[in-house]
Protein backbone atom coordinates (compact mmCIF):
# COMPACT_ATOMS: atom_id res chain seq x y z
CA UNK A 1 -13.83 14.64 -9.60
CA UNK A 2 -15.65 14.37 -6.26
CA UNK A 3 -14.12 15.79 -3.09
CA UNK A 4 -13.75 12.27 -1.63
CA UNK A 5 -11.85 11.12 -4.73
CA UNK A 6 -9.58 14.16 -4.64
CA UNK A 7 -8.90 13.68 -0.91
CA UNK A 8 -8.11 10.01 -1.46
CA UNK A 9 -5.66 10.78 -4.27
CA UNK A 10 -3.97 13.45 -2.15
CA UNK A 11 -3.62 11.01 0.76
CA UNK A 12 -2.07 8.38 -1.51
CA UNK A 13 0.41 10.92 -2.86
CA UNK A 14 1.39 11.87 0.71
CA UNK A 15 1.96 8.19 1.59
CA UNK A 16 4.07 7.65 -1.51
CA UNK A 17 6.16 10.72 -0.71
CA UNK A 18 6.56 9.52 2.89
CA UNK A 19 7.77 6.11 1.71
CA UNK A 20 10.22 7.71 -0.71
CA UNK A 21 11.62 9.98 2.01
CA UNK A 22 11.87 7.12 4.51
CA UNK A 23 13.83 5.07 1.98
CA UNK A 24 16.26 7.90 1.24
CA UNK A 25 16.86 8.78 4.90
CA UNK A 26 17.17 5.14 5.95
CA UNK A 27 19.99 4.75 3.41
CA UNK A 28 22.02 7.17 5.56
CA UNK A 29 23.96 10.43 5.18
CA UNK A 30 21.43 12.67 3.38
CA UNK A 31 23.00 15.78 1.86
CA UNK A 32 22.28 19.23 3.34
CA UNK A 33 20.05 19.99 0.35
CA UNK A 34 18.09 16.77 0.89
CA UNK A 35 17.69 17.54 4.59
CA UNK A 36 16.37 20.99 3.73
CA UNK A 37 13.94 19.54 1.17
CA UNK A 38 12.75 16.94 3.66
CA UNK A 39 12.25 19.52 6.42
CA UNK A 40 10.30 21.75 4.03
CA UNK A 41 8.06 18.88 2.95
CA UNK A 42 7.55 17.72 6.53
CA UNK A 43 6.44 21.15 7.79
CA UNK A 44 4.39 22.13 4.74
CA UNK A 45 1.34 20.20 5.91
CA UNK A 46 0.60 18.41 9.22
CA UNK A 47 -0.75 15.53 7.14
CA UNK A 48 2.74 15.04 5.66
CA UNK A 49 4.24 14.53 9.11
CA UNK A 50 1.40 12.19 10.10
CA UNK A 51 2.01 10.06 7.00
CA UNK A 52 5.76 9.97 7.66
CA UNK A 53 5.21 9.10 11.34
CA UNK A 54 3.12 6.11 10.27
CA UNK A 55 5.90 4.82 8.02
CA UNK A 56 8.61 5.39 10.65
CA UNK A 57 6.61 3.57 13.31
CA UNK A 58 5.94 0.70 10.95
CA UNK A 59 9.64 0.16 10.22
CA UNK A 60 10.78 0.95 13.76
CA UNK A 61 12.75 4.11 12.87
CA UNK A 62 11.18 6.50 15.37
CA UNK A 63 14.43 8.55 15.54
CA UNK A 64 14.76 9.10 11.81
CA UNK A 65 13.09 12.54 11.78
CA UNK A 66 15.32 13.90 14.55
CA UNK A 67 18.44 12.50 12.87
CA UNK A 68 17.54 13.91 9.46
CA UNK A 69 16.41 17.37 10.55
CA UNK A 70 18.33 18.30 13.71
CA UNK A 71 21.73 16.63 13.18
CA UNK A 72 22.92 17.89 9.79
CA UNK A 73 26.61 17.19 10.37
CA UNK A 74 26.25 13.65 11.71
CA UNK A 75 26.06 10.92 9.11
CA UNK A 76 24.27 7.73 10.00
CA UNK A 77 26.48 4.65 10.30
CA UNK A 78 27.31 2.79 7.13
CA UNK A 79 25.43 -0.22 8.42
CA UNK A 80 22.09 -0.80 10.07
CA UNK A 81 20.78 -3.32 12.52
CA UNK A 82 19.14 -6.17 10.65
CA UNK A 83 15.41 -5.83 10.35
CA UNK A 84 13.14 -8.86 10.18
CA UNK A 85 12.87 -10.15 6.65
CA UNK A 86 9.21 -9.27 6.27
CA UNK A 87 9.94 -5.63 7.02
CA UNK A 88 12.68 -5.42 4.42
CA UNK A 89 10.49 -7.09 1.83
CA UNK A 90 7.59 -4.85 2.73
CA UNK A 91 9.71 -1.73 2.48
CA UNK A 92 11.02 -2.69 -0.94
CA UNK A 93 7.52 -3.58 -2.07
CA UNK A 94 6.05 -0.33 -0.86
CA UNK A 95 8.80 1.75 -2.45
CA UNK A 96 8.48 -0.08 -5.76
CA UNK A 97 4.73 0.41 -5.65
CA UNK A 98 5.02 4.10 -4.85
CA UNK A 99 7.53 4.79 -7.61
CA UNK A 100 5.67 2.74 -10.20
CA UNK A 101 2.30 4.30 -9.48
CA UNK A 102 3.17 7.96 -9.07
CA UNK A 103 3.87 8.73 -12.74
CA UNK A 104 1.01 6.53 -13.93
CA UNK A 105 -1.40 8.25 -11.55
CA UNK A 106 -0.42 11.70 -12.76
CA UNK A 107 -0.95 10.63 -16.37
CA UNK A 108 -4.31 9.05 -15.57
CA UNK A 109 -5.54 12.09 -13.65
CA UNK A 110 -4.55 14.31 -16.56
CA UNK A 111 -6.41 12.21 -19.15
CA UNK A 112 -9.49 11.03 -17.27
CA UNK A 113 -12.88 12.65 -17.75
CA UNK A 114 -14.35 10.65 -14.85
CA UNK A 115 -12.59 8.84 -12.02
CA UNK A 116 -13.15 7.45 -8.55
CA UNK A 117 -11.03 7.05 -5.43
CA UNK A 118 -10.66 4.09 -3.11
CA UNK A 119 -14.00 2.55 -2.06
CA UNK A 120 -15.90 5.10 -4.17
CA UNK A 121 -18.60 4.11 -6.67
CA UNK A 122 -19.95 6.49 -9.28
CA UNK A 123 -22.59 6.22 -12.01
CA UNK A 124 -22.54 8.44 -15.08
CA UNK A 125 -25.03 8.79 -17.93
CA UNK A 126 -23.49 9.46 -21.33
CA UNK A 127 -24.92 11.77 -23.98
CA UNK A 128 -26.41 8.81 -25.89
CA UNK A 129 -28.27 7.55 -22.82
CA UNK A 130 -25.82 4.74 -22.05
CA UNK A 131 -25.02 4.28 -18.37
CA UNK A 132 -21.60 3.51 -16.91
CA UNK A 133 -21.06 2.41 -13.31
CA UNK A 134 -17.50 3.02 -12.14
CA UNK A 135 -16.03 0.78 -9.48
CA UNK A 136 -13.48 2.12 -6.98
CA UNK A 137 -10.08 3.40 -8.12
CA UNK A 138 -11.33 3.58 -11.71
CA UNK A 139 -10.77 6.10 -14.50
CA UNK A 140 -12.35 6.53 -17.94
CA UNK A 141 -11.96 8.90 -20.87
CA UNK A 142 -14.99 9.90 -22.96
CA UNK A 143 -13.95 10.00 -26.62
CA UNK A 144 -17.36 10.14 -28.31
CA UNK A 145 -17.41 11.43 -31.87
CA UNK A 146 -19.93 11.80 -34.68
CA UNK A 147 -18.97 8.38 -36.06
CA UNK A 148 -18.59 6.21 -32.98
CA UNK A 149 -19.15 6.07 -29.25
CA UNK A 150 -15.79 5.29 -27.69
CA UNK A 151 -14.61 5.24 -24.10
CA UNK A 152 -11.18 4.35 -22.78
CA UNK A 153 -10.99 2.50 -19.47
CA UNK A 154 -7.61 3.53 -18.07
CA UNK A 155 -7.77 1.47 -14.90
CA UNK A 156 -10.16 -0.28 -12.54
CA UNK A 157 -13.54 -1.83 -13.26
CA UNK A 158 -16.76 -0.57 -14.82
CA UNK A 159 -20.17 -1.88 -15.80
CA UNK A 160 -21.63 -0.67 -19.10
CA UNK A 161 -25.34 -0.63 -19.95
CA UNK A 162 -25.35 0.41 -23.60
CA UNK A 163 -28.13 2.31 -25.38
CA UNK A 164 -28.98 1.02 -28.85
CA UNK A 165 -27.66 3.00 -31.84
CA UNK A 166 -26.94 0.84 -34.91
CA UNK A 167 -25.28 3.74 -36.73
CA UNK A 168 -22.71 4.46 -34.03
CA UNK A 169 -20.89 1.46 -32.56
CA UNK A 170 -20.07 1.54 -28.84
CA UNK A 171 -16.46 0.60 -28.10
CA UNK A 172 -14.37 0.52 -24.95
CA UNK A 173 -10.61 0.64 -25.31
CA UNK A 174 -8.38 -0.87 -22.62
CA UNK A 175 -4.59 -1.16 -22.55
CA UNK A 176 -4.80 -4.69 -23.97
CA UNK A 177 -7.37 -4.20 -26.74
CA UNK A 178 -10.95 -3.21 -27.55
CA UNK A 179 -14.42 -4.37 -26.53
CA UNK A 180 -17.28 -3.64 -28.96
CA UNK A 181 -20.85 -3.81 -27.67
CA UNK A 182 -23.38 -5.72 -29.72
CA UNK A 183 -26.46 -4.28 -27.99
CA UNK A 184 -25.50 -5.29 -24.50
CA UNK A 185 -24.61 -4.88 -20.84
CA UNK A 186 -21.18 -5.99 -19.72
CA UNK A 187 -18.43 -5.62 -17.13
CA UNK A 188 -14.74 -4.89 -17.78
CA UNK A 189 -12.15 -5.38 -15.04
CA UNK A 190 -8.48 -4.49 -15.48
CA UNK A 191 -6.46 -6.58 -13.04
CA UNK A 192 -2.78 -5.91 -13.55
CA UNK A 193 -1.75 -7.22 -16.96
CA UNK A 194 -5.03 -9.15 -17.33
CA UNK A 195 -8.36 -7.75 -18.52
CA UNK A 196 -11.59 -9.69 -17.95
CA UNK A 197 -14.81 -9.05 -19.88
CA UNK A 198 -18.08 -10.48 -18.54
CA UNK A 199 -21.39 -10.19 -20.40
CA UNK A 200 -24.72 -9.97 -18.58
CA UNK A 201 -26.94 -9.26 -21.61
CA UNK A 202 -26.60 -10.07 -25.33
CA UNK A 203 -22.95 -10.14 -26.50
CA UNK A 204 -19.71 -8.25 -27.15
CA UNK A 205 -16.76 -8.62 -29.49
CA UNK A 206 -13.38 -8.76 -27.74
CA UNK A 207 -10.28 -7.94 -29.80
CA UNK A 208 -6.84 -8.38 -28.28
CA UNK A 209 -3.53 -9.28 -29.91
CA UNK A 210 -5.01 -12.16 -31.92
CA UNK A 211 -8.34 -13.00 -33.55
CA UNK A 212 -11.39 -11.42 -31.95
CA UNK A 213 -13.93 -13.53 -30.07
CA UNK A 214 -17.66 -13.11 -29.43
CA UNK A 215 -18.61 -13.34 -25.77
CA UNK A 216 -22.26 -14.19 -25.14
CA UNK A 217 -24.48 -13.55 -22.15
CA UNK A 218 -23.30 -15.43 -19.04
CA UNK A 219 -19.76 -15.88 -20.34
CA UNK A 220 -16.38 -14.28 -19.82
CA UNK A 221 -13.16 -13.86 -21.77
CA UNK A 222 -9.75 -12.60 -20.69
CA UNK A 223 -6.80 -11.13 -22.54
CA UNK A 224 -3.67 -9.07 -21.97
CA UNK A 225 -1.09 -6.95 -23.72
CA UNK A 226 0.25 -9.06 -26.56
CA UNK A 227 -2.02 -11.93 -25.51
CA UNK A 228 -5.03 -12.99 -27.58
CA UNK A 229 -8.47 -13.21 -25.99
CA UNK A 230 -9.16 -16.72 -24.72
CA UNK A 231 -12.20 -18.69 -25.84
CA UNK A 232 -15.24 -17.60 -23.79
CA UNK A 233 -16.09 -19.69 -20.74
CA UNK A 234 -19.17 -19.77 -18.54
CA UNK A 235 -19.24 -17.78 -15.30
CA UNK A 236 -21.78 -16.64 -12.75
CA UNK A 237 -22.19 -13.06 -13.94
CA UNK A 238 -24.05 -12.12 -10.75
CA UNK A 239 -20.97 -13.11 -8.76
CA UNK A 240 -18.63 -11.14 -11.03
CA UNK A 241 -20.75 -7.99 -10.77
CA UNK A 242 -21.59 -8.35 -7.07
CA UNK A 243 -19.42 -5.28 -6.38
CA UNK A 244 -22.33 -3.20 -7.70
CA UNK A 245 -24.35 -4.50 -4.73
CA UNK A 246 -21.62 -4.03 -2.13
CA UNK A 247 -20.32 -7.60 -2.22
CA UNK A 248 -17.13 -9.31 -3.38
CA UNK A 249 -17.50 -13.00 -4.19
CA UNK A 250 -14.33 -15.03 -4.67
CA UNK A 251 -14.52 -18.58 -5.97
CA UNK A 252 -11.12 -20.32 -5.91
CA UNK A 253 -9.38 -17.04 -6.81
CA UNK A 254 -5.60 -16.58 -6.29
CA UNK A 255 -4.70 -14.55 -3.22
CA UNK A 256 -2.65 -12.11 -5.29
CA UNK A 257 -5.70 -11.19 -7.37
CA UNK A 258 -7.93 -11.01 -4.30
CA UNK A 259 -5.59 -8.59 -2.52
CA UNK A 260 -5.36 -6.44 -5.66
CA UNK A 261 -9.16 -6.20 -5.72
CA UNK A 262 -9.45 -5.48 -1.99
CA UNK A 263 -6.80 -2.77 -2.36
CA UNK A 264 -9.25 -0.75 -4.43
CA UNK A 265 -11.55 -0.59 -1.40
CA UNK A 266 -8.81 0.26 1.11
CA UNK A 267 -7.59 3.80 1.81
CA UNK A 268 -3.90 2.94 1.83
CA UNK A 269 -1.52 0.16 0.85
CA UNK A 270 -2.12 -3.60 0.92
CA UNK A 271 1.17 -5.43 0.43
CA UNK A 272 1.86 -9.16 0.16
CA UNK A 273 5.35 -9.49 1.64
CA UNK A 274 5.74 -13.22 0.97
CA UNK A 275 5.52 -13.97 -2.78
CA UNK A 276 5.10 -17.70 -2.12
CA UNK A 277 1.55 -17.17 -0.84
CA UNK A 278 0.24 -15.25 -3.85
CA UNK A 279 -1.10 -18.41 -5.47
CA UNK A 280 -3.06 -19.60 -2.43
CA UNK A 281 -6.75 -19.95 -3.30
CA UNK A 282 -9.46 -17.84 -1.69
CA UNK A 283 -13.17 -18.60 -1.38
CA UNK A 284 -15.71 -16.39 0.31
CA UNK A 285 -18.24 -13.58 0.24
CA UNK A 286 -17.13 -10.25 1.68
CA UNK A 287 -18.54 -6.75 2.18
CA UNK A 288 -16.90 -4.04 0.07
CA UNK A 289 -17.38 -1.55 2.92
CA UNK A 290 -15.01 -3.50 5.21
CA UNK A 291 -11.90 -4.76 3.38
CA UNK A 292 -10.08 -5.26 6.69
CA UNK A 293 -12.72 -7.75 7.81
CA UNK A 294 -12.16 -9.62 4.55
CA UNK A 295 -8.40 -9.66 5.13
CA UNK A 296 -8.82 -10.93 8.69
CA UNK A 297 -11.08 -13.73 7.48
CA UNK A 298 -8.55 -14.66 4.78
CA UNK A 299 -5.73 -14.51 7.34
CA UNK A 300 -7.57 -17.00 9.54
CA UNK A 301 -8.73 -19.37 6.81
CA UNK A 302 -5.31 -19.60 5.12
CA UNK A 303 -3.20 -19.47 8.28
CA UNK A 304 -1.45 -16.25 7.29
CA UNK A 305 -0.09 -13.30 9.28
CA UNK A 306 -1.64 -9.86 9.02
CA UNK A 307 0.09 -6.75 10.32
CA UNK A 308 -1.35 -3.27 10.05
CA UNK A 309 -0.47 0.23 11.13
CA UNK A 310 -2.83 2.90 10.00
CA UNK A 311 -3.36 2.65 6.27
CA UNK A 312 -0.45 0.27 5.59
CA UNK A 313 -1.37 -3.42 5.75
CA UNK A 314 1.08 -6.29 5.29
CA UNK A 315 0.17 -9.91 4.60
CA UNK A 316 2.67 -12.73 4.94
CA UNK A 317 2.96 -16.47 5.46
């Protein structure tokens, strides 16, 4: 793991811990043991306090640290002043995200033989001469054996340029199925429950829950857990793989998917606080090095509202 990737993972863990502590303290009346645990976490590392300060400022609770640490006998009132709806939704979304990701991240870090952090790209050459380009926030496991060349893509996106070896098939496992190279170069992107496979040279076999399909050069197929691979359809493979050249090209793509992709290039949280806007369509070409510029352009073109404080960015209608 590179130092940048390790630093990025540590920063994300601090933000998740800060969100979890904010949620507990905002609920009121923390126990003496919880106050002691919070104080210990807060003073363990100045970066912890900085992360917690960001969250407190975002939700308007600038007094929460003083109340939690220096007033152990005073319980907070059993009610709170109403916060604007977008803040409540954002808080719930951030907490759900933090809790859902923390265990998955630990498991992925334990298993991965190569991984990247936010906005980090990495190329690796395998022992057979095949080359794998990892997109940001991506993790793979090398499971090569004498009989087959197998990788597992745990999360993210990667481009595979496969060396020829007729005696040892090259397979990539994903949570939803398996992709087998047929002398080829191809891209695999895991986007939530959906996995997309795009072929730039020759063909691959995609096997999901149902019958396998052959995807030829210039085509794409998609599948998910328990969902069979769809019949291949034509795409602009250069657009799909533009991330390798520092570009993101969206052609009538749902906002929810766009934000999920941009989140991999952002050192923090991107949260859609209004679920009704997730299906809005996005078109445009953006630089991977500046996800905030992309979000501002999307905000303007779709008439949305963008609010940011440090690494936490909220998008609403």
